[in-house]
Protein backbone atom coordinates (compact mmCIF):
# COMPACT_ATOMS: atom_id res chain seq x y z
CA UNK A 1 -22.15 5.78 -7.22
CA UNK A 2 -18.81 4.16 -8.05
CA UNK A 3 -15.67 6.28 -8.39
CA UNK A 4 -15.16 7.97 -11.77
CA UNK A 5 -12.20 9.66 -13.40
CA UNK A 6 -12.13 11.86 -16.51
CA UNK A 7 -9.21 13.34 -18.45
CA UNK A 8 -8.64 14.96 -21.84
CA UNK A 9 -6.02 13.62 -24.25
CA UNK A 10 -3.24 16.09 -25.18
CA UNK A 11 -1.28 16.43 -28.42
CA UNK A 12 1.69 14.61 -26.93
CA UNK A 13 -0.51 11.57 -26.36
CA UNK A 14 -1.66 11.28 -29.98
CA UNK A 15 -1.79 7.63 -31.06
CA UNK A 16 -1.46 6.13 -27.58
CA UNK A 17 -3.64 3.12 -26.85
CA UNK A 18 -6.46 3.59 -24.36
CA UNK A 19 -4.71 1.06 -22.13
CA UNK A 20 -1.41 3.00 -22.17
CA UNK A 21 -3.24 6.29 -21.55
CA UNK A 22 -5.00 4.81 -18.50
CA UNK A 23 -1.87 3.29 -16.97
CA UNK A 24 0.41 6.26 -17.74
CA UNK A 25 -1.80 9.33 -17.23
CA UNK A 26 -4.43 8.04 -14.83
CA UNK A 27 -2.00 5.78 -12.90
CA UNK A 28 -4.34 2.80 -13.11
CA UNK A 29 -2.55 -0.51 -12.57
CA UNK A 30 -2.85 -3.26 -15.17
CA UNK A 31 -4.60 -5.47 -12.64
CA UNK A 32 -7.11 -2.70 -11.92
CA UNK A 33 -7.59 -2.12 -15.65
CA UNK A 34 -8.62 -5.77 -16.07
CA UNK A 35 -11.18 -5.33 -13.29
CA UNK A 36 -12.52 -2.17 -14.97
CA UNK A 37 -12.88 -4.02 -18.29
CA UNK A 38 -15.02 -6.67 -16.62
CA UNK A 39 -16.90 -4.74 -13.93
CA UNK A 40 -16.65 -1.06 -14.90
CA UNK A 41 -16.48 0.88 -18.14
CA UNK A 42 -14.18 3.09 -20.20
CA UNK A 43 -15.73 5.73 -22.47
CA UNK A 44 -14.17 7.88 -25.18
CA UNK A 45 -16.25 10.98 -25.86
CA UNK A 46 -19.22 9.29 -24.24
CA UNK A 47 -18.96 6.04 -26.20
CA UNK A 48 -17.66 2.67 -25.05
CA UNK A 49 -14.10 2.08 -26.24
CA UNK A 50 -11.82 -0.96 -26.33
CA UNK A 51 -8.50 -0.55 -24.47
CA UNK A 52 -6.57 -1.49 -27.63
CA UNK A 53 -7.98 1.45 -29.60
CA UNK A 54 -5.99 4.67 -29.99
CA UNK A 55 -6.68 8.12 -28.58
CA UNK A 56 -6.46 11.52 -30.27
CA UNK A 57 -5.99 15.09 -28.99
CA UNK A 58 -9.17 16.44 -27.42
CA UNK A 59 -10.64 13.01 -26.70
CA UNK A 60 -12.36 12.81 -23.33
CA UNK A 61 -11.51 9.51 -21.58
CA UNK A 62 -14.02 8.71 -18.84
CA UNK A 63 -13.32 5.74 -16.56
CA UNK A 64 -16.09 4.22 -14.42
CA UNK A 65 -14.48 2.08 -11.74
CA UNK A 66 -16.19 -1.07 -10.41
CA UNK A 67 -18.53 -0.57 -7.47
CA UNK A 68 -16.92 -1.19 -4.09
CA UNK A 69 -18.47 -3.03 -1.18
CA UNK A 70 -17.17 -3.54 2.37
CA UNK A 71 -16.25 -7.08 3.38
CA UNK A 72 -19.36 -9.06 4.27
CA UNK A 73 -18.19 -9.65 7.83
CA UNK A 74 -17.30 -5.97 8.38
CA UNK A 75 -19.56 -4.27 10.93
CA UNK A 76 -20.35 -0.56 10.83
CA UNK A 77 -20.03 1.17 14.22
CA UNK A 78 -21.79 4.48 14.88
CA UNK A 79 -19.97 7.14 16.86
CA UNK A 80 -17.80 10.23 16.75
CA UNK A 81 -14.85 10.22 14.36
CA UNK A 82 -12.10 12.84 14.66
CA UNK A 83 -11.68 13.76 10.98
CA UNK A 84 -8.59 15.88 10.25
CA UNK A 85 -9.03 16.07 6.46
CA UNK A 86 -11.36 14.69 3.81
CA UNK A 87 -11.81 14.95 0.06
CA UNK A 88 -12.80 12.59 -2.78
CA UNK A 89 -9.52 10.66 -2.43
CA UNK A 90 -8.50 10.75 1.24
CA UNK A 91 -9.87 10.50 4.75
CA UNK A 92 -7.36 11.44 7.48
CA UNK A 93 -8.45 10.67 11.04
CA UNK A 94 -7.03 11.02 14.54
CA UNK A 95 -7.18 7.69 16.39
CA UNK A 96 -7.49 7.75 20.17
CA UNK A 97 -5.41 5.36 22.28
CA UNK A 98 -7.12 2.15 23.30
CA UNK A 99 -8.73 1.55 19.90
CA UNK A 100 -7.59 -1.07 17.38
CA UNK A 101 -7.00 0.05 13.80
CA UNK A 102 -8.81 -2.91 12.23
CA UNK A 103 -11.30 -5.46 13.59
CA UNK A 104 -10.18 -8.92 14.68
CA UNK A 105 -11.94 -12.26 15.03
CA UNK A 106 -12.35 -11.78 18.78
CA UNK A 107 -13.17 -8.05 18.51
CA UNK A 108 -15.17 -7.58 15.28
CA UNK A 109 -16.58 -4.16 16.26
CA UNK A 110 -15.48 -0.73 17.54
CA UNK A 111 -12.13 -0.62 15.76
CA UNK A 112 -11.22 2.57 13.91
CA UNK A 113 -12.10 0.89 10.61
CA UNK A 114 -15.56 -0.01 11.96
CA UNK A 115 -16.13 3.63 12.88
CA UNK A 116 -14.94 4.75 9.43
CA UNK A 117 -17.43 2.36 7.81
CA UNK A 118 -20.18 3.82 10.01
CA UNK A 119 -19.10 7.30 8.89
CA UNK A 120 -19.21 6.21 5.24
CA UNK A 121 -22.72 4.85 5.63
CA UNK A 122 -23.88 7.98 7.45
CA UNK A 123 -22.57 10.19 4.64
CA UNK A 124 -23.47 7.87 1.73
CA UNK A 125 -19.83 7.28 0.78
CA UNK A 126 -19.95 4.19 -1.48
CA UNK A 127 -16.50 2.68 -0.88
CA UNK A 128 -14.80 -0.18 0.91
CA UNK A 129 -12.32 0.41 3.73
CA UNK A 130 -8.74 1.02 2.53
CA UNK A 131 -6.47 1.69 5.52
CA UNK A 132 -2.98 2.89 4.55
CA UNK A 133 -1.13 2.93 7.89
CA UNK A 134 -2.16 0.87 10.91
CA UNK A 135 -1.35 1.84 14.47
CA UNK A 136 -1.11 -0.41 17.53
CA UNK A 137 -4.17 -0.33 19.77
CA UNK A 138 -2.53 1.94 22.37
CA UNK A 139 -0.72 4.20 19.90
CA UNK A 140 -2.63 7.39 19.19
CA UNK A 141 -2.66 9.71 16.23
CA UNK A 142 -2.93 10.13 12.51
CA UNK A 143 -4.24 7.31 10.32
CA UNK A 144 -4.63 7.62 6.53
CA UNK A 145 -7.53 5.98 4.73
CA UNK A 146 -7.69 5.89 0.94
CA UNK A 147 -11.25 6.54 -0.19
CA UNK A 148 -11.17 4.04 -3.07
CA UNK A 149 -9.02 1.41 -4.78
CA UNK A 150 -7.18 3.83 -7.08
CA UNK A 151 -6.17 6.10 -4.19
CA UNK A 152 -5.07 3.04 -2.21
CA UNK A 153 -2.94 1.82 -5.13
CA UNK A 154 -1.26 5.22 -5.46
CA UNK A 155 -0.56 5.54 -1.73
CA UNK A 156 0.82 1.99 -1.56
CA UNK A 157 3.28 2.87 -4.33
CA UNK A 158 4.28 6.00 -2.41
CA UNK A 159 5.00 3.87 0.66
CA UNK A 160 7.13 1.48 -1.38
CA UNK A 161 9.06 4.39 -2.90
CA UNK A 162 9.61 6.22 0.39
CA UNK A 163 7.36 9.15 -0.54
CA UNK A 164 5.04 8.80 2.46
CA UNK A 165 6.86 10.58 5.31
CA UNK A 166 5.39 9.68 8.72
CA UNK A 167 6.61 11.27 11.96
CA UNK A 168 5.99 10.07 15.52
CA UNK A 169 6.40 11.60 18.96
CA UNK A 170 7.58 9.29 21.75
CA UNK A 171 8.47 9.58 25.44
CA UNK A 172 11.33 7.49 26.86
CA UNK A 173 13.14 7.34 30.17
CA UNK A 174 16.68 8.71 30.11
CA UNK A 175 18.29 10.27 27.04
CA UNK A 176 19.08 9.13 23.51
CA UNK A 177 20.91 11.25 20.95
CA UNK A 178 19.49 11.66 17.44
CA UNK A 179 20.60 8.63 15.43
CA UNK A 180 19.54 5.95 12.96
CA UNK A 181 18.70 2.51 14.34
CA UNK A 182 19.19 -0.29 11.82
CA UNK A 183 18.41 -3.55 13.59
CA UNK A 184 16.44 -6.51 12.14
CA UNK A 185 13.17 -7.41 13.85
CA UNK A 186 11.42 -10.76 14.09
CA UNK A 187 8.85 -12.57 16.20
CA UNK A 188 9.89 -13.92 19.59
CA UNK A 189 9.89 -17.68 20.14
CA UNK A 190 7.39 -17.47 23.00
CA UNK A 191 4.73 -15.00 21.80
CA UNK A 192 2.68 -14.44 18.66
CA UNK A 193 2.42 -10.71 19.43
CA UNK A 194 5.81 -9.78 20.84
CA UNK A 195 8.75 -8.88 18.62
CA UNK A 196 12.50 -8.66 19.23
CA UNK A 197 15.75 -7.73 17.53
CA UNK A 198 17.17 -10.90 15.98
CA UNK A 199 19.69 -11.63 13.23
CA UNK A 200 17.21 -13.60 11.13
CA UNK A 201 14.55 -10.87 11.32
CA UNK A 202 13.42 -8.42 8.65
CA UNK A 203 15.41 -5.25 8.07
CA UNK A 204 14.03 -2.37 10.16
CA UNK A 205 15.27 1.23 10.07
CA UNK A 206 14.18 3.94 12.53
CA UNK A 207 15.45 7.52 12.45
CA UNK A 208 15.49 9.50 15.72
CA UNK A 209 15.40 13.05 14.38
CA UNK A 210 15.28 15.08 17.61
CA UNK A 211 15.63 14.37 21.31
CA UNK A 212 14.43 16.88 23.92
CA UNK A 213 15.20 16.29 27.62
CA UNK A 214 12.15 16.90 29.86
CA UNK A 215 11.15 16.19 33.45
CA UNK A 216 7.75 14.59 34.09
CA UNK A 217 6.31 12.18 36.64
CA UNK A 218 9.38 13.08 38.76
CA UNK A 219 11.53 11.34 36.15
CA UNK A 220 14.19 12.44 33.65
CA UNK A 221 12.60 11.70 30.28
CA UNK A 222 13.19 12.55 26.65
CA UNK A 223 10.66 13.50 24.00
CA UNK A 224 11.72 12.05 20.65
CA UNK A 225 10.67 12.89 17.12
CA UNK A 226 10.95 9.76 15.01
CA UNK A 227 10.72 8.95 11.31
CA UNK A 228 10.14 5.41 10.07
CA UNK A 229 11.93 4.15 6.98
CA UNK A 230 10.41 0.68 7.27
CA UNK A 231 7.15 -0.38 8.90
CA UNK A 232 7.68 -3.55 10.93
CA UNK A 233 5.27 -4.59 13.67
CA UNK A 234 6.12 -2.74 16.94
CA UNK A 235 9.21 -1.31 15.21
CA UNK A 236 9.67 1.85 17.29
CA UNK A 237 8.84 0.01 20.51
CA UNK A 238 11.30 -2.82 19.82
CA UNK A 239 14.14 -0.58 18.65
CA UNK A 240 13.96 1.74 21.63
CA UNK A 241 13.74 -1.19 24.06
CA UNK A 242 16.77 -2.79 22.39
CA UNK A 243 18.76 0.38 23.12
CA UNK A 244 17.71 0.23 26.78
CA UNK A 245 15.21 3.08 26.54
CA UNK A 246 11.74 1.57 26.16
CA UNK A 247 8.73 3.79 25.69
CA UNK A 248 7.17 5.14 28.87
CA UNK A 249 4.19 2.91 29.69
CA UNK A 250 5.18 0.12 27.29
CA UNK A 251 5.08 -2.78 29.75
CA UNK A 252 5.35 -5.39 26.96
CA UNK A 253 8.87 -4.11 26.34
CA UNK A 254 9.82 -3.35 29.98
CA UNK A 255 8.74 0.28 30.01
CA UNK A 256 7.82 1.87 33.35
CA UNK A 257 4.00 2.23 33.68
CA UNK A 258 3.96 5.98 34.31
CA UNK A 259 0.91 6.21 32.00
CA UNK A 260 -1.52 3.37 31.17
CA UNK A 261 -0.31 2.90 27.56
CA UNK A 262 2.86 3.18 25.49
CA UNK A 263 3.81 6.83 25.02
CA UNK A 264 3.71 6.88 21.23
CA UNK A 265 1.78 9.21 18.93
CA UNK A 266 1.52 9.28 15.13
CA UNK A 267 2.00 13.04 14.78
CA UNK A 268 2.15 13.81 11.06
CA UNK A 269 2.21 12.52 7.51
CA UNK A 270 3.55 14.26 4.41
CA UNK A 271 3.03 12.94 0.88
CA UNK A 272 1.99 14.05 -2.61
CA UNK A 273 -1.76 14.12 -3.08
CA UNK A 274 -2.64 11.07 -5.22
CA UNK A 275 -4.77 13.15 -7.62
CA UNK A 276 -2.88 16.45 -7.94
CA UNK A 277 0.68 15.62 -6.88
CA UNK A 278 0.63 18.58 -4.48
CA UNK A 279 2.80 17.92 -1.42
CA UNK A 280 0.51 17.93 1.62
CA UNK A 281 1.19 17.67 5.35
CA UNK A 282 -1.38 16.49 7.89
CA UNK A 283 -0.92 16.90 11.66
CA UNK A 284 -2.60 15.19 14.60
CA UNK A 285 -2.33 17.24 17.80
CA UNK A 286 -0.51 15.71 20.75
CA UNK A 287 -2.98 14.15 23.23
CA UNK A 288 -3.13 15.36 26.82
CA UNK A 289 -1.35 12.36 28.34
CA UNK A 290 1.76 13.04 26.23
CA UNK A 291 1.69 16.85 26.56
CA UNK A 292 4.04 16.86 29.54
């Protein structure tokens, strides 16, 4: 069954158009409203209604969203999924290191998104895959999936407005004081994957919130808590390498291979719930290889 949303009109909304009610109170984008007009349905008190008609106090507006289908070339992969939270709007999962976030042409199966699609099919969840934050293959931790197009639209707006607060835990060699790194990042001239700090790159801002000196692997390390303000490819990895303190294990950016992957973990996310507005925090526990 496609996603549905129902809400009663209040006195303050007397005389609004159905279109304005949907965009203002239900946070449906105009583009999505066009899709609903053609492939879904809007009811007022159980009867079809045109979006130009007006609403009155006590009216029940019931929106049937278009059915969603995964991309035709998207494969479902069966297997265990570490679900941290789930409701009708969100699926929060804990990604292990060594797993891509989304499939690629060369690796069309066994990404986190493939496993989520397998989970959806197993539990008869009738939606496409809407990933909100991607992680590099060897970065572990919390990944947010929006269950349906409306949730994805709301979470994308939160990202644009800085309302989606994501925190990371990282291990570096040596010591860095808490600080804000504001250095532009662009692609290197010799690699499609690798990034670097360069004047003609995109603005990238990383906040180092805390820095805790530790000793592990017979080395003087620091455990950092980091908040991203922007979300450039490899942003944390590039910024720390530019300061001379690459992530432990991040050999692409000259990190010492003390562990077989970059020491980076998506630890938490805080944002208003897209349906209720309640501020929620989700936490992914630190994996064993970073619990030093």
